Amino acid sequence: MKRNEKLSLEQLGDLLASRPEAGGDPEHARMLRALGKAAVGELTARQKECVGLHYREGKSVSEIAGRLGIRPSTVSLHLKKARAHLRRVMGYYFFP
């Protein structure tokens, strides 16, 4: 990936999935640490909740909205802002 290319969460997920979790790959470990720090430091509680439900549990926007008692458009906005924050932070870590 080139410096000016945008890093999407999907691309990051593909990078992490393509690397073995074990084996001491320092780049893989660095990505996981950076993503964890980004999620903790950059996202609001609601954004973390939406991201977790969507990406970890595979819930749809409608399912998340029903579970949290908010509108689907609000869930989409939380996900959009979370992706923007994570993209910015991950870009900082990997393309200083």
PDB file of N, CA and C in Angstrom:
ATOM      1  N   MET A   1       0.838  -1.177   0.000  1.00  0.00           N
ATOM      2  CA  MET A   1       0.000   0.000   0.000  1.00  0.00           C
ATOM      3  C   MET A   1       0.883   1.241   0.000  1.00  0.00           C
ATOM      4  N   LYS A   2       0.537   2.196  -0.814  1.00  0.00           N
ATOM      5  CA  LYS A   2       1.313   3.419  -0.930  1.00  0.00           C
ATOM      6  C   LYS A   2       0.896   4.418   0.140  1.00  0.00           C
ATOM      7  N   ARG A   3       1.769   5.367   0.406  1.00  0.00           N
ATOM      8  CA  ARG A   3       1.546   6.332   1.475  1.00  0.00           C
ATOM      9  C   ARG A   3       0.239   7.102   1.330  1.00  0.00           C
ATOM     10  N   ASN A   4      -0.114   7.533   0.140  1.00  0.00           N
ATOM     11  CA  ASN A   4      -1.296   8.364  -0.048  1.00  0.00           C
ATOM     12  C   ASN A   4      -2.590   7.570  -0.227  1.00  0.00           C
ATOM     13  N   GLU A   5      -2.488   6.251  -0.294  1.00  0.00           N
ATOM     14  CA  GLU A   5      -3.691   5.443  -0.414  1.00  0.00           C
ATOM     15  C   GLU A   5      -4.447   5.468   0.902  1.00  0.00           C
ATOM     16  N   LYS A   6      -5.779   5.429   0.812  1.00  0.00           N
ATOM     17  CA  LYS A   6      -6.595   5.384   2.010  1.00  0.00           C
ATOM     18  C   LYS A   6      -6.699   3.949   2.491  1.00  0.00           C
ATOM     19  N   LEU A   7      -6.583   3.766   3.793  1.00  0.00           N
ATOM     20  CA  LEU A   7      -6.672   2.453   4.402  1.00  0.00           C
ATOM     21  C   LEU A   7      -8.100   2.255   4.889  1.00  0.00           C
ATOM     22  N   SER A   8      -8.821   1.326   4.296  1.00  0.00           N
ATOM     23  CA  SER A   8     -10.181   1.067   4.745  1.00  0.00           C
ATOM     24  C   SER A   8     -10.160  -0.015   5.809  1.00  0.00           C
ATOM     25  N   LEU A   9     -11.213  -0.079   6.606  1.00  0.00           N
ATOM     26  CA  LEU A   9     -11.298  -1.129   7.608  1.00  0.00           C
ATOM     27  C   LEU A   9     -11.322  -2.499   6.962  1.00  0.00           C
ATOM     28  N   GLU A  10     -11.934  -2.586   5.789  1.00  0.00           N
ATOM     29  CA  GLU A  10     -11.969  -3.866   5.093  1.00  0.00           C
ATOM     30  C   GLU A  10     -10.554  -4.297   4.700  1.00  0.00           C
ATOM     31  N   GLN A  11      -9.751  -3.361   4.201  1.00  0.00           N
ATOM     32  CA  GLN A  11      -8.375  -3.674   3.836  1.00  0.00           C
ATOM     33  C   GLN A  11      -7.577  -4.074   5.065  1.00  0.00           C
ATOM     34  N   LEU A  12      -7.777  -3.365   6.172  1.00  0.00           N
ATOM     35  CA  LEU A  12      -7.077  -3.699   7.396  1.00  0.00           C
ATOM     36  C   LEU A  12      -7.481  -5.099   7.854  1.00  0.00           C
ATOM     37  N   GLY A  13      -8.765  -5.396   7.793  1.00  0.00           N
ATOM     38  CA  GLY A  13      -9.234  -6.731   8.169  1.00  0.00           C
ATOM     39  C   GLY A  13      -8.622  -7.803   7.299  1.00  0.00           C
ATOM     40  N   ASP A  14      -8.522  -7.533   5.998  1.00  0.00           N
ATOM     41  CA  ASP A  14      -7.901  -8.490   5.084  1.00  0.00           C
ATOM     42  C   ASP A  14      -6.421  -8.688   5.423  1.00  0.00           C
ATOM     43  N   LEU A  15      -5.731  -7.593   5.736  1.00  0.00           N
ATOM     44  CA  LEU A  15      -4.323  -7.701   6.105  1.00  0.00           C
ATOM     45  C   LEU A  15      -4.141  -8.538   7.361  1.00  0.00           C
ATOM     46  N   LEU A  16      -4.977  -8.273   8.362  1.00  0.00           N
ATOM     47  CA  LEU A  16      -4.863  -9.012   9.617  1.00  0.00           C
ATOM     48  C   LEU A  16      -5.227 -10.475   9.431  1.00  0.00           C
ATOM     49  N   ALA A  17      -6.255 -10.753   8.642  1.00  0.00           N
ATOM     50  CA  ALA A  17      -6.697 -12.126   8.427  1.00  0.00           C
ATOM     51  C   ALA A  17      -5.677 -12.927   7.630  1.00  0.00           C
ATOM     52  N   SER A  18      -4.938 -12.262   6.767  1.00  0.00           N
ATOM     53  CA  SER A  18      -3.984 -12.976   5.925  1.00  0.00           C
ATOM     54  C   SER A  18      -2.697 -13.314   6.661  1.00  0.00           C
ATOM     55  N   ARG A  19      -2.527 -12.808   7.847  1.00  0.00           N
ATOM     56  CA  ARG A  19      -1.310 -13.054   8.609  1.00  0.00           C
ATOM     57  C   ARG A  19      -1.608 -14.019   9.753  1.00  0.00           C
ATOM     58  N   PRO A  20      -0.713 -14.907  10.042  1.00  0.00           N
ATOM     59  CA  PRO A  20      -0.943 -15.837  11.152  1.00  0.00           C
ATOM     60  C   PRO A  20      -0.932 -15.097  12.481  1.00  0.00           C
ATOM     61  N   GLU A  21      -1.813 -15.488  13.390  1.00  0.00           N
ATOM     62  CA  GLU A  21      -1.862 -14.838  14.692  1.00  0.00           C
ATOM     63  C   GLU A  21      -0.639 -15.210  15.530  1.00  0.00           C
ATOM     64  N   ALA A  22      -0.193 -16.425  15.370  1.00  0.00           N
ATOM     65  CA  ALA A  22       0.991 -16.852  16.118  1.00  0.00           C
ATOM     66  C   ALA A  22       2.209 -16.702  15.214  1.00  0.00           C
ATOM     67  N   GLY A  23       3.332 -16.865  15.774  1.00  0.00           N
ATOM     68  CA  GLY A  23       4.534 -16.823  14.967  1.00  0.00           C
ATOM     69  C   GLY A  23       5.349 -15.577  15.184  1.00  0.00           C
ATOM     70  N   GLY A  24       4.867 -14.651  16.008  1.00  0.00           N
ATOM     71  CA  GLY A  24       5.653 -13.490  16.358  1.00  0.00           C
ATOM     72  C   GLY A  24       5.873 -12.494  15.243  1.00  0.00           C
ATOM     73  N   ASP A  25       4.939 -12.381  14.302  1.00  0.00           N
ATOM     74  CA  ASP A  25       5.074 -11.408  13.225  1.00  0.00           C
ATOM     75  C   ASP A  25       4.943 -10.011  13.826  1.00  0.00           C
ATOM     76  N   PRO A  26       6.025  -9.224  13.859  1.00  0.00           N
ATOM     77  CA  PRO A  26       5.966  -7.915  14.504  1.00  0.00           C
ATOM     78  C   PRO A  26       5.022  -6.939  13.811  1.00  0.00           C
ATOM     79  N   GLU A  27       4.896  -7.027  12.501  1.00  0.00           N
ATOM     80  CA  GLU A  27       3.981  -6.121  11.797  1.00  0.00           C
ATOM     81  C   GLU A  27       2.534  -6.417  12.174  1.00  0.00           C
ATOM     82  N   HIS A  28       2.192  -7.678  12.262  1.00  0.00           N
ATOM     83  CA  HIS A  28       0.843  -8.087  12.652  1.00  0.00           C
ATOM     84  C   HIS A  28       0.540  -7.597  14.068  1.00  0.00           C
ATOM     85  N   ALA A  29       1.478  -7.799  14.972  1.00  0.00           N
ATOM     86  CA  ALA A  29       1.299  -7.356  16.348  1.00  0.00           C
ATOM     87  C   ALA A  29       1.149  -5.837  16.407  1.00  0.00           C
ATOM     88  N   ARG A  30       1.925  -5.130  15.604  1.00  0.00           N
ATOM     89  CA  ARG A  30       1.862  -3.663  15.564  1.00  0.00           C
ATOM     90  C   ARG A  30       0.486  -3.192  15.073  1.00  0.00           C
ATOM     91  N   MET A  31      -0.051  -3.859  14.044  1.00  0.00           N
ATOM     92  CA  MET A  31      -1.374  -3.499  13.544  1.00  0.00           C
ATOM     93  C   MET A  31      -2.447  -3.709  14.603  1.00  0.00           C
ATOM     94  N   LEU A  32      -2.376  -4.844  15.289  1.00  0.00           N
ATOM     95  CA  LEU A  32      -3.370  -5.125  16.315  1.00  0.00           C
ATOM     96  C   LEU A  32      -3.302  -4.113  17.455  1.00  0.00           C
ATOM     97  N   ARG A  33      -2.088  -3.766  17.887  1.00  0.00           N
ATOM     98  CA  ARG A  33      -1.940  -2.764  18.950  1.00  0.00           C
ATOM     99  C   ARG A  33      -2.481  -1.411  18.511  1.00  0.00           C
ATOM    100  N   ALA A  34      -2.158  -1.012  17.295  1.00  0.00           N
ATOM    101  CA  ALA A  34      -2.604   0.281  16.783  1.00  0.00           C
ATOM    102  C   ALA A  34      -4.118   0.327  16.676  1.00  0.00           C
ATOM    103  N   LEU A  35      -4.720  -0.751  16.185  1.00  0.00           N
ATOM    104  CA  LEU A  35      -6.176  -0.788  16.061  1.00  0.00           C
ATOM    105  C   LEU A  35      -6.836  -0.745  17.432  1.00  0.00           C
ATOM    106  N   GLY A  36      -6.273  -1.457  18.373  1.00  0.00           N
ATOM    107  CA  GLY A  36      -6.808  -1.438  19.737  1.00  0.00           C
ATOM    108  C   GLY A  36      -6.723  -0.062  20.364  1.00  0.00           C
ATOM    109  N   LYS A  37      -5.572   0.583  20.217  1.00  0.00           N
ATOM    110  CA  LYS A  37      -5.405   1.936  20.749  1.00  0.00           C
ATOM    111  C   LYS A  37      -6.366   2.903  20.081  1.00  0.00           C
ATOM    112  N   ALA A  38      -6.527   2.755  18.783  1.00  0.00           N
ATOM    113  CA  ALA A  38      -7.426   3.640  18.049  1.00  0.00           C
ATOM    114  C   ALA A  38      -8.846   3.477  18.547  1.00  0.00           C
ATOM    115  N   ALA A  39      -9.276   2.252  18.727  1.00  0.00           N
ATOM    116  CA  ALA A  39     -10.649   2.001  19.174  1.00  0.00           C
ATOM    117  C   ALA A  39     -10.872   2.559  20.573  1.00  0.00           C
ATOM    118  N   VAL A  40      -9.896   2.383  21.447  1.00  0.00           N
ATOM    119  CA  VAL A  40     -10.044   2.854  22.822  1.00  0.00           C
ATOM    120  C   VAL A  40      -9.985   4.373  22.894  1.00  0.00           C
ATOM    121  N   GLY A  41      -9.036   4.957  22.208  1.00  0.00           N
ATOM    122  CA  GLY A  41      -8.798   6.382  22.363  1.00  0.00           C
ATOM    123  C   GLY A  41      -9.605   7.294  21.466  1.00  0.00           C
ATOM    124  N   GLU A  42     -10.110   6.789  20.361  1.00  0.00           N
ATOM    125  CA  GLU A  42     -10.733   7.658  19.367  1.00  0.00           C
ATOM    126  C   GLU A  42     -12.250   7.534  19.273  1.00  0.00           C
ATOM    127  N   LEU A  43     -12.806   6.432  19.709  1.00  0.00           N
ATOM    128  CA  LEU A  43     -14.236   6.208  19.497  1.00  0.00           C
ATOM    129  C   LEU A  43     -15.045   6.494  20.750  1.00  0.00           C
ATOM    130  N   THR A  44     -16.262   6.994  20.540  1.00  0.00           N
ATOM    131  CA  THR A  44     -17.186   7.171  21.653  1.00  0.00           C
ATOM    132  C   THR A  44     -17.703   5.797  22.074  1.00  0.00           C
ATOM    133  N   ALA A  45     -18.331   5.735  23.223  1.00  0.00           N
ATOM    134  CA  ALA A  45     -18.881   4.463  23.709  1.00  0.00           C
ATOM    135  C   ALA A  45     -19.893   3.899  22.716  1.00  0.00           C
ATOM    136  N   ARG A  46     -20.736   4.750  22.155  1.00  0.00           N
ATOM    137  CA  ARG A  46     -21.748   4.282  21.205  1.00  0.00           C
ATOM    138  C   ARG A  46     -21.107   3.797  19.905  1.00  0.00           C
ATOM    139  N   GLN A  47     -20.075   4.500  19.451  1.00  0.00           N
ATOM    140  CA  GLN A  47     -19.368   4.063  18.247  1.00  0.00           C
ATOM    141  C   GLN A  47     -18.716   2.700  18.475  1.00  0.00           C
ATOM    142  N   LYS A  48     -18.086   2.509  19.634  1.00  0.00           N
ATOM    143  CA  LYS A  48     -17.473   1.222  19.954  1.00  0.00           C
ATOM    144  C   LYS A  48     -18.519   0.115  19.948  1.00  0.00           C
ATOM    145  N   GLU A  49     -19.670   0.417  20.524  1.00  0.00           N
ATOM    146  CA  GLU A  49     -20.752  -0.560  20.594  1.00  0.00           C
ATOM    147  C   GLU A  49     -21.228  -0.942  19.189  1.00  0.00           C
ATOM    148  N   CYS A  50     -21.443   0.050  18.345  1.00  0.00           N
ATOM    149  CA  CYS A  50     -21.895  -0.204  16.970  1.00  0.00           C
ATOM    150  C   CYS A  50     -20.845  -0.964  16.168  1.00  0.00           C
ATOM    151  N   VAL A  51     -19.581  -0.570  16.294  1.00  0.00           N
ATOM    152  CA  VAL A  51     -18.505  -1.249  15.573  1.00  0.00           C
ATOM    153  C   VAL A  51     -18.402  -2.701  16.031  1.00  0.00           C
ATOM    154  N   GLY A  52     -18.476  -2.927  17.337  1.00  0.00           N
ATOM    155  CA  GLY A  52     -18.394  -4.288  17.866  1.00  0.00           C
ATOM    156  C   GLY A  52     -19.528  -5.162  17.369  1.00  0.00           C
ATOM    157  N   LEU A  53     -20.743  -4.634  17.401  1.00  0.00           N
ATOM    158  CA  LEU A  53     -21.890  -5.403  16.937  1.00  0.00           C
ATOM    159  C   LEU A  53     -21.808  -5.679  15.442  1.00  0.00           C
ATOM    160  N   HIS A  54     -21.354  -4.698  14.683  1.00  0.00           N
ATOM    161  CA  HIS A  54     -21.324  -4.840  13.237  1.00  0.00           C
ATOM    162  C   HIS A  54     -20.177  -5.738  12.771  1.00  0.00           C
ATOM    163  N   TYR A  55     -18.971  -5.476  13.245  1.00  0.00           N
ATOM    164  CA  TYR A  55     -17.800  -6.181  12.732  1.00  0.00           C
ATOM    165  C   TYR A  55     -17.478  -7.472  13.483  1.00  0.00           C
ATOM    166  N   ARG A  56     -17.673  -7.496  14.794  1.00  0.00           N
ATOM    167  CA  ARG A  56     -17.374  -8.725  15.538  1.00  0.00           C
ATOM    168  C   ARG A  56     -18.526  -9.715  15.498  1.00  0.00           C
ATOM    169  N   GLU A  57     -19.747  -9.197  15.674  1.00  0.00           N
ATOM    170  CA  GLU A  57     -20.906 -10.089  15.746  1.00  0.00           C
ATOM    171  C   GLU A  57     -21.638 -10.229  14.419  1.00  0.00           C
ATOM    172  N   GLY A  58     -21.266  -9.413  13.430  1.00  0.00           N
ATOM    173  CA  GLY A  58     -21.863  -9.528  12.102  1.00  0.00           C
ATOM    174  C   GLY A  58     -23.296  -9.051  12.006  1.00  0.00           C
ATOM    175  N   LYS A  59     -23.712  -8.183  12.903  1.00  0.00           N
ATOM    176  CA  LYS A  59     -25.087  -7.668  12.897  1.00  0.00           C
ATOM    177  C   LYS A  59     -25.256  -6.621  11.795  1.00  0.00           C
ATOM    178  N   SER A  60     -26.458  -6.588  11.236  1.00  0.00           N
ATOM    179  CA  SER A  60     -26.773  -5.575  10.228  1.00  0.00           C
ATOM    180  C   SER A  60     -27.106  -4.253  10.926  1.00  0.00           C
ATOM    181  N   VAL A  61     -27.152  -3.199  10.144  1.00  0.00           N
ATOM    182  CA  VAL A  61     -27.488  -1.881  10.679  1.00  0.00           C
ATOM    183  C   VAL A  61     -28.878  -1.923  11.329  1.00  0.00           C
ATOM    184  N   SER A  62     -29.822  -2.586  10.683  1.00  0.00           N
ATOM    185  CA  SER A  62     -31.190  -2.685  11.229  1.00  0.00           C
ATOM    186  C   SER A  62     -31.206  -3.458  12.543  1.00  0.00           C
ATOM    187  N   GLU A  63     -30.444  -4.543  12.604  1.00  0.00           N
ATOM    188  CA  GLU A  63     -30.386  -5.331  13.834  1.00  0.00           C
ATOM    189  C   GLU A  63     -29.776  -4.530  14.977  1.00  0.00           C
ATOM    190  N   ILE A  64     -28.722  -3.788  14.676  1.00  0.00           N
ATOM    191  CA  ILE A  64     -28.081  -2.956  15.699  1.00  0.00           C
ATOM    192  C   ILE A  64     -29.047  -1.890  16.187  1.00  0.00           C
ATOM    193  N   ALA A  65     -29.759  -1.257  15.249  1.00  0.00           N
ATOM    194  CA  ALA A  65     -30.720  -0.208  15.612  1.00  0.00           C
ATOM    195  C   ALA A  65     -31.786  -0.762  16.549  1.00  0.00           C
ATOM    196  N   GLY A  66     -32.318  -1.929  16.216  1.00  0.00           N
ATOM    197  CA  GLY A  66     -33.332  -2.541  17.066  1.00  0.00           C
ATOM    198  C   GLY A  66     -32.804  -2.883  18.447  1.00  0.00           C
ATOM    199  N   ARG A  67     -31.602  -3.389  18.487  1.00  0.00           N
ATOM    200  CA  ARG A  67     -30.991  -3.787  19.759  1.00  0.00           C
ATOM    201  C   ARG A  67     -30.701  -2.588  20.654  1.00  0.00           C
ATOM    202  N   LEU A  68     -30.252  -1.484  20.039  1.00  0.00           N
ATOM    203  CA  LEU A  68     -29.883  -0.298  20.814  1.00  0.00           C
ATOM    204  C   LEU A  68     -31.023   0.701  20.983  1.00  0.00           C
ATOM    205  N   GLY A  69     -32.121   0.475  20.260  1.00  0.00           N
ATOM    206  CA  GLY A  69     -33.257   1.385  20.368  1.00  0.00           C
ATOM    207  C   GLY A  69     -33.021   2.731  19.707  1.00  0.00           C
ATOM    208  N   ILE A  70     -32.274   2.728  18.613  1.00  0.00           N
ATOM    209  CA  ILE A  70     -32.022   3.960  17.864  1.00  0.00           C
ATOM    210  C   ILE A  70     -32.360   3.721  16.398  1.00  0.00           C
ATOM    211  N   ARG A  71     -32.398   4.780  15.615  1.00  0.00           N
ATOM    212  CA  ARG A  71     -32.743   4.647  14.199  1.00  0.00           C
ATOM    213  C   ARG A  71     -31.574   4.068  13.406  1.00  0.00           C
ATOM    214  N   PRO A  72     -31.885   3.340  12.338  1.00  0.00           N
ATOM    215  CA  PRO A  72     -30.823   2.800  11.481  1.00  0.00           C
ATOM    216  C   PRO A  72     -29.896   3.891  10.934  1.00  0.00           C
ATOM    217  N   SER A  73     -30.447   5.061  10.630  1.00  0.00           N
ATOM    218  CA  SER A  73     -29.599   6.147  10.112  1.00  0.00           C
ATOM    219  C   SER A  73     -28.587   6.601  11.162  1.00  0.00           C
ATOM    220  N   THR A  74     -28.972   6.519  12.428  1.00  0.00           N
ATOM    221  CA  THR A  74     -28.055   6.885  13.507  1.00  0.00           C
ATOM    222  C   THR A  74     -26.934   5.854  13.615  1.00  0.00           C
ATOM    223  N   VAL A  75     -27.284   4.587  13.487  1.00  0.00           N
ATOM    224  CA  VAL A  75     -26.269   3.528  13.504  1.00  0.00           C
ATOM    225  C   VAL A  75     -25.288   3.738  12.351  1.00  0.00           C
ATOM    226  N   SER A  76     -25.820   4.002  11.164  1.00  0.00           N
ATOM    227  CA  SER A  76     -24.958   4.232  10.000  1.00  0.00           C
ATOM    228  C   SER A  76     -24.017   5.404  10.236  1.00  0.00           C
ATOM    229  N   LEU A  77     -24.509   6.454  10.855  1.00  0.00           N
ATOM    230  CA  LEU A  77     -23.671   7.619  11.146  1.00  0.00           C
ATOM    231  C   LEU A  77     -22.573   7.266  12.147  1.00  0.00           C
ATOM    232  N   HIS A  78     -22.926   6.500  13.187  1.00  0.00           N
ATOM    233  CA  HIS A  78     -21.905   6.074  14.161  1.00  0.00           C
ATOM    234  C   HIS A  78     -20.823   5.240  13.474  1.00  0.00           C
ATOM    235  N   LEU A  79     -21.230   4.326  12.605  1.00  0.00           N
ATOM    236  CA  LEU A  79     -20.256   3.484  11.896  1.00  0.00           C
ATOM    237  C   LEU A  79     -19.383   4.316  10.961  1.00  0.00           C
ATOM    238  N   LYS A  80     -19.995   5.263  10.273  1.00  0.00           N
ATOM    239  CA  LYS A  80     -19.240   6.114   9.351  1.00  0.00           C
ATOM    240  C   LYS A  80     -18.189   6.934  10.102  1.00  0.00           C
ATOM    241  N   LYS A  81     -18.581   7.533  11.220  1.00  0.00           N
ATOM    242  CA  LYS A  81     -17.637   8.339  11.996  1.00  0.00           C
ATOM    243  C   LYS A  81     -16.547   7.475  12.609  1.00  0.00           C
ATOM    244  N   ALA A  82     -16.919   6.281  13.070  1.00  0.00           N
ATOM    245  CA  ALA A  82     -15.926   5.369  13.654  1.00  0.00           C
ATOM    246  C   ALA A  82     -14.898   4.963  12.606  1.00  0.00           C
ATOM    247  N   ARG A  83     -15.368   4.631  11.412  1.00  0.00           N
ATOM    248  CA  ARG A  83     -14.434   4.242  10.342  1.00  0.00           C
ATOM    249  C   ARG A  83     -13.493   5.399  10.004  1.00  0.00           C
ATOM    250  N   ALA A  84     -14.022   6.610   9.974  1.00  0.00           N
ATOM    251  CA  ALA A  84     -13.184   7.778   9.666  1.00  0.00           C
ATOM    252  C   ALA A  84     -12.110   7.975  10.734  1.00  0.00           C
ATOM    253  N   HIS A  85     -12.500   7.850  12.004  1.00  0.00           N
ATOM    254  CA  HIS A  85     -11.526   7.998  13.095  1.00  0.00           C
ATOM    255  C   HIS A  85     -10.462   6.912  13.017  1.00  0.00           C
ATOM    256  N   LEU A  86     -10.888   5.675  12.829  1.00  0.00           N
ATOM    257  CA  LEU A  86      -9.933   4.564  12.785  1.00  0.00           C
ATOM    258  C   LEU A  86      -9.011   4.673  11.579  1.00  0.00           C
ATOM    259  N   ARG A  87      -9.560   5.080  10.443  1.00  0.00           N
ATOM    260  CA  ARG A  87      -8.743   5.263   9.243  1.00  0.00           C
ATOM    261  C   ARG A  87      -7.650   6.304   9.492  1.00  0.00           C
ATOM    262  N   ARG A  88      -8.043   7.412  10.120  1.00  0.00           N
ATOM    263  CA  ARG A  88      -7.085   8.484  10.393  1.00  0.00           C
ATOM    264  C   ARG A  88      -5.985   8.003  11.340  1.00  0.00           C
ATOM    265  N   VAL A  89      -6.367   7.332  12.403  1.00  0.00           N
ATOM    266  CA  VAL A  89      -5.389   6.855  13.368  1.00  0.00           C
ATOM    267  C   VAL A  89      -4.489   5.782  12.760  1.00  0.00           C
ATOM    268  N   MET A  90      -5.067   4.852  12.013  1.00  0.00           N
ATOM    269  CA  MET A  90      -4.261   3.807  11.407  1.00  0.00           C
ATOM    270  C   MET A  90      -3.304   4.397  10.373  1.00  0.00           C
ATOM    271  N   GLY A  91      -3.752   5.411   9.649  1.00  0.00           N
ATOM    272  CA  GLY A  91      -2.867   6.081   8.705  1.00  0.00           C
ATOM    273  C   GLY A  91      -1.700   6.734   9.419  1.00  0.00           C
ATOM    274  N   TYR A  92      -1.961   7.288  10.591  1.00  0.00           N
ATOM    275  CA  TYR A  92      -0.905   7.909  11.384  1.00  0.00           C
ATOM    276  C   TYR A  92       0.129   6.872  11.822  1.00  0.00           C
ATOM    277  N   TYR A  93      -0.345   5.699  12.248  1.00  0.00           N
ATOM    278  CA  TYR A  93       0.564   4.659  12.730  1.00  0.00           C
ATOM    279  C   TYR A  93       1.394   4.048  11.602  1.00  0.00           C
ATOM    280  N   PHE A  94       0.806   3.894  10.426  1.00  0.00           N
ATOM    281  CA  PHE A  94       1.485   3.158   9.385  1.00  0.00           C
ATOM    282  C   PHE A  94       2.084   4.016   8.282  1.00  0.00           C
ATOM    283  N   PHE A  95       1.678   5.276   8.198  1.00  0.00           N
ATOM    284  CA  PHE A  95       2.209   6.157   7.165  1.00  0.00           C
ATOM    285  C   PHE A  95       2.523   7.516   7.757  1.00  0.00           C
ATOM    286  N   PRO A  96       3.453   7.551   8.729  1.00  0.00           N
ATOM    287  CA  PRO A  96       3.759   8.836   9.408  1.00  0.00           C
ATOM    288  C   PRO A  96       4.422   9.839   8.480  1.00  0.00           C
TER     289      PRO A  96
END
